[in-house]
């Protein structure tokens, strides 16, 4: 079967879509949604902002290691700063 020229690959910025980046993005977005939902219901700004950042960060961080480190830091902040 011949590949259509009108349907380009769905890869970010012309690069490869790696499995670790995809899984870390889904994981951090899921945790971020939980923090966002909790922060919105409890009117707590720290989990709300960290949750929003965890949902948005995977779109802008290019590497798996950087995404893991940033996601870990953003995931720990609401537990440390109980405001």
Protein backbone atom coordinates (compact mmCIF):
# COMPACT_ATOMS: atom_id res chain seq x y z
CA UNK A 1 0.00 0.00 0.00
CA UNK A 2 1.36 3.38 -0.95
CA UNK A 3 1.63 6.16 1.57
CA UNK A 4 -0.41 9.27 0.88
CA UNK A 5 1.48 12.53 0.39
CA UNK A 6 -1.35 14.58 1.89
CA UNK A 7 -1.07 12.93 5.33
CA UNK A 8 2.22 13.93 6.99
CA UNK A 9 3.58 12.09 10.00
CA UNK A 10 2.08 13.19 13.29
CA UNK A 11 5.39 13.75 15.07
CA UNK A 12 6.30 16.76 17.19
CA UNK A 13 8.48 19.38 15.46
CA UNK A 14 9.50 16.94 12.75
CA UNK A 15 11.23 14.63 15.25
CA UNK A 16 10.49 11.14 16.45
CA UNK A 17 7.73 10.37 18.91
CA UNK A 18 9.53 8.29 21.55
CA UNK A 19 7.66 5.95 23.87
CA UNK A 20 9.23 7.26 27.12
CA UNK A 21 8.28 10.84 26.27
CA UNK A 22 4.73 9.77 25.42
CA UNK A 23 4.32 7.76 28.64
CA UNK A 24 5.85 10.46 30.83
CA UNK A 25 3.60 13.04 29.18
CA UNK A 26 0.48 10.99 29.85
CA UNK A 27 1.56 10.28 33.43
CA UNK A 28 2.43 13.88 34.28
CA UNK A 29 -0.75 15.16 32.63
CA UNK A 30 -2.84 12.69 34.63
CA UNK A 31 -1.21 13.68 37.91
CA UNK A 32 -1.53 17.32 36.89
CA UNK A 33 -5.24 16.92 36.24
CA UNK A 34 -5.65 15.42 39.71
CA UNK A 35 -3.78 18.31 41.32
CA UNK A 36 -5.70 20.83 39.24
CA UNK A 37 -9.05 19.30 40.19
CA UNK A 38 -8.10 19.16 43.88
CA UNK A 39 -6.80 22.74 43.88
CA UNK A 40 -9.95 23.98 42.18
CA UNK A 41 -12.30 22.21 44.59
CA UNK A 42 -10.33 23.19 47.71
CA UNK A 43 -9.52 26.70 46.42
CA UNK A 44 -5.83 25.94 47.01
CA UNK A 45 -3.56 27.90 44.66
CA UNK A 46 -0.40 25.76 44.90
CA UNK A 47 -1.93 22.44 43.71
CA UNK A 48 -3.97 24.35 41.12
CA UNK A 49 -0.92 26.01 39.55
CA UNK A 50 1.27 22.89 39.80
CA UNK A 51 -1.48 20.82 38.22
CA UNK A 52 -1.87 23.29 35.38
CA UNK A 53 1.89 23.31 34.81
CA UNK A 54 2.05 19.50 34.89
CA UNK A 55 -0.62 19.36 32.18
CA UNK A 56 1.12 21.94 29.95
CA UNK A 57 4.83 21.14 30.45
CA UNK A 58 4.92 17.92 28.33
CA UNK A 59 4.12 19.98 25.23
CA UNK A 60 7.23 22.15 25.64
CA UNK A 61 9.91 19.90 27.17
CA UNK A 62 11.80 18.03 24.43
CA UNK A 63 13.59 15.28 26.40
CA UNK A 64 12.48 12.40 28.60
CA UNK A 65 15.00 13.09 31.38
CA UNK A 66 14.07 16.77 31.58
CA UNK A 67 10.37 15.89 31.56
CA UNK A 68 10.90 13.36 34.36
CA UNK A 69 12.88 15.79 36.52
CA UNK A 70 10.51 18.71 35.97
CA UNK A 71 7.47 16.49 36.55
CA UNK A 72 8.98 15.14 39.76
CA UNK A 73 9.71 18.63 41.10
CA UNK A 74 6.26 19.94 40.18
CA UNK A 75 4.65 16.84 41.71
CA UNK A 76 6.47 17.28 45.03
CA UNK A 77 5.87 21.02 45.45
CA UNK A 78 2.20 20.76 46.62
CA UNK A 79 3.21 18.30 49.35
CA UNK A 80 6.04 20.51 50.58
CA UNK A 81 4.25 23.85 50.36
CA UNK A 82 0.98 23.25 52.14
CA UNK A 83 -0.56 26.68 51.62
